[in-house]
Each structure stands twice: as C-alpha cells, then as structure tokens.
C-alpha atoms as a PDB file:
ATOM      1  CA  MET A   1      16.252   3.998  23.317  1.00  0.00           C
ATOM      2  CA  LEU A   2      17.719   7.433  23.875  1.00  0.00           C
ATOM      3  CA  PHE A   3      16.143  10.799  24.180  1.00  0.00           C
ATOM      4  CA  LYS A   4      18.178  13.218  22.053  1.00  0.00           C
ATOM      5  CA  SER A   5      17.709  16.741  20.826  1.00  0.00           C
ATOM      6  CA  ILE A   6      17.028  17.191  17.150  1.00  0.00           C
ATOM      7  CA  ALA A   7      19.743  18.639  14.896  1.00  0.00           C
ATOM      8  CA  ILE A   8      18.478  21.738  13.097  1.00  0.00           C
ATOM      9  CA  LYS A   9      19.762  22.118   9.591  1.00  0.00           C
ATOM     10  CA  PRO A  10      18.939  24.696   6.880  1.00  0.00           C
ATOM     11  CA  LEU A  11      16.694  23.560   4.047  1.00  0.00           C
ATOM     12  CA  LEU A  12      19.322  24.721   1.546  1.00  0.00           C
ATOM     13  CA  THR A  13      23.111  24.398   1.712  1.00  0.00           C
ATOM     14  CA  GLU A  14      25.358  27.393   1.287  1.00  0.00           C
ATOM     15  CA  ALA A  15      26.251  26.164  -2.165  1.00  0.00           C
ATOM     16  CA  GLN A  16      22.630  25.835  -3.225  1.00  0.00           C
ATOM     17  CA  MET A  17      21.878  29.369  -1.962  1.00  0.00           C
ATOM     18  CA  ALA A  18      24.832  30.740  -3.876  1.00  0.00           C
ATOM     19  CA  LYS A  19      23.662  29.047  -7.092  1.00  0.00           C
ATOM     20  CA  ARG A  20      20.177  30.544  -6.645  1.00  0.00           C
ATOM     21  CA  VAL A  21      21.598  34.021  -6.115  1.00  0.00           C
ATOM     22  CA  THR A  22      23.796  33.659  -9.238  1.00  0.00           C
ATOM     23  CA  PHE A  23      20.717  32.541 -11.246  1.00  0.00           C
ATOM     24  CA  CYS A  24      18.698  35.515 -10.005  1.00  0.00           C
ATOM     25  CA  LYS A  25      21.487  38.025 -10.854  1.00  0.00           C
ATOM     26  CA  LYS A  26      22.019  36.488 -14.295  1.00  0.00           C
ATOM     27  CA  ASN A  27      18.299  36.511 -15.215  1.00  0.00           C
ATOM     28  CA  PHE A  28      17.126  39.712 -13.476  1.00  0.00           C
ATOM     29  CA  ASN A  29      16.466  41.578 -16.745  1.00  0.00           C
ATOM     30  CA  ARG A  30      15.153  38.553 -18.736  1.00  0.00           C
ATOM     31  CA  ASP A  31      11.808  38.876 -20.557  1.00  0.00           C
ATOM     32  CA  TRP A  32       9.791  36.410 -18.404  1.00  0.00           C
ATOM     33  CA  LYS A  33       6.736  36.731 -20.740  1.00  0.00           C
ATOM     34  CA  THR A  34       8.061  33.905 -22.849  1.00  0.00           C
ATOM     35  CA  ILE A  35       9.095  31.490 -20.063  1.00  0.00           C
ATOM     36  CA  ALA A  36       7.010  28.713 -18.535  1.00  0.00           C
ATOM     37  CA  PHE A  37       7.875  26.716 -15.402  1.00  0.00           C
ATOM     38  CA  SER A  38       6.412  23.227 -15.150  1.00  0.00           C
ATOM     39  CA  ASP A  39       6.626  20.233 -12.862  1.00  0.00           C
ATOM     40  CA  SER A  40       4.955  16.912 -12.267  1.00  0.00           C
ATOM     41  CA  LYS A  41       4.467  14.721  -9.241  1.00  0.00           C
ATOM     42  CA  TYR A  42       3.238  11.210  -8.486  1.00  0.00           C
ATOM     43  CA  PHE A  43       0.959  10.886  -5.553  1.00  0.00           C
ATOM     44  CA  VAL A  44       0.893   7.186  -4.477  1.00  0.00           C
ATOM     45  CA  PHE A  45      -1.918   6.078  -2.151  1.00  0.00           C
ATOM     46  CA  THR A  46      -1.167   3.242   0.254  1.00  0.00           C
ATOM     47  CA  PHE A  47      -2.675   2.024   3.498  1.00  0.00           C
ATOM     48  CA  SER A  48      -0.983   2.698   6.828  1.00  0.00           C
ATOM     49  CA  ASN A  49       0.947  -0.591   6.865  1.00  0.00           C
ATOM     50  CA  GLY A  50       1.390  -0.764   3.088  1.00  0.00           C
ATOM     51  CA  THR A  51      -1.024  -3.629   2.651  1.00  0.00           C
ATOM     52  CA  ARG A  52      -4.709  -4.283   2.475  1.00  0.00           C
ATOM     53  CA  ALA A  53      -6.270  -6.053   5.447  1.00  0.00           C
ATOM     54  CA  ILE A  54      -8.844  -8.525   4.066  1.00  0.00           C
ATOM     55  CA  LYS A  55     -10.440 -10.898   6.493  1.00  0.00           C
ATOM     56  CA  ALA A  56     -12.970 -13.654   6.170  1.00  0.00           C
ATOM     57  CA  TRP A  57     -14.718 -16.211   8.373  1.00  0.00           C
ATOM     58  CA  VAL A  58     -13.212 -19.601   7.495  1.00  0.00           C
ATOM     59  CA  SER A  59     -12.818 -23.062   9.069  1.00  0.00           C
ATOM     60  CA  LYS A  60      -9.771 -23.879  11.147  1.00  0.00           C
ATOM     61  CA  ASP A  61      -7.811 -25.686   8.351  1.00  0.00           C
ATOM     62  CA  GLU A  62      -8.782 -23.251   5.553  1.00  0.00           C
ATOM     63  CA  ARG A  63      -6.452 -20.516   4.307  1.00  0.00           C
ATOM     64  CA  PRO A  64      -8.285 -17.935   2.147  1.00  0.00           C
ATOM     65  CA  VAL A  65      -6.448 -16.327  -0.790  1.00  0.00           C
ATOM     66  CA  SER A  66      -7.021 -12.882  -2.186  1.00  0.00           C
ATOM     67  CA  TYR A  67      -5.413 -11.867  -5.441  1.00  0.00           C
ATOM     68  CA  LEU A  68      -4.249  -8.263  -5.890  1.00  0.00           C
ATOM     69  CA  ALA A  69      -2.782  -6.659  -8.933  1.00  0.00           C
ATOM     70  CA  ASN A  70       0.784  -5.497  -8.522  1.00  0.00           C
ATOM     71  CA  VAL A  71      -0.189  -1.889  -9.208  1.00  0.00           C
ATOM     72  CA  LYS A  72      -0.411   0.899  -6.636  1.00  0.00           C
ATOM     73  CA  GLU A  73      -3.227   3.410  -6.785  1.00  0.00           C
ATOM     74  CA  GLN A  74      -1.631   6.677  -7.926  1.00  0.00           C
ATOM     75  CA  VAL A  75      -2.287  10.013  -9.531  1.00  0.00           C
ATOM     76  CA  HIS A  76       0.162  11.844 -11.765  1.00  0.00           C
ATOM     77  CA  ALA A  77      -0.365  15.591 -11.437  1.00  0.00           C
ATOM     78  CA  TYR A  78       1.087  18.240 -13.723  1.00  0.00           C
ATOM     79  CA  ALA A  79       1.308  21.947 -13.094  1.00  0.00           C
ATOM     80  CA  ALA A  80       2.723  24.963 -14.957  1.00  0.00           C
ATOM     81  CA  ILE A  81       2.944  28.682 -14.434  1.00  0.00           C
ATOM     82  CA  THR A  82       3.830  31.558 -16.791  1.00  0.00           C
ATOM     83  CA  TYR A  83       4.023  35.323 -16.578  1.00  0.00           C
ATOM     84  CA  HIS A  84       0.329  35.476 -17.573  1.00  0.00           C
ATOM     85  CA  GLY A  85      -0.791  32.978 -14.936  1.00  0.00           C
END
C-alpha cells in the first residue's frame, strides 16, 4: 500500500464550462415564465455490506435458509422548479 497525494480536478471540464456559458448567452433574454426544469432520482437503500445479516440458533448439522425477494428497497423522487416556484 502506498501513501499518495490526491489529484485535484475541476468538477467541470473546460468544454463543459464553455457549453454552459454558450447556453447562458443564447438564453439570456428568454421568457423563463413558461419554462420548467425537472429531474428524478432513485435512492436505493442497502445495508453496509449489501446483504442482510440474519442469524439463528441451530444444531451443528443444520443450515437455515432465509428467502429474500430480489428487489431492493428504493424511493423514486421527482422534483421540478419554475419561474413561479
């Protein structure tokens, strides 16, 4: 294992910054009262190791089985914002 310094990089590349500036200049005088911005995000809930730790007292030769649906617990959140709030 090595102890190295962390590389510091910008959150946006130069090309991404240039595209954002172009968008801003192009839309500076737009009537934003008719525009809505929206987005959605899945929040998936898992345990620290990704599994559920289920334990039981059993005899030496016994192997308990626990059945778990192949579905993660999750929430799908939506959000939007307009000129009016």
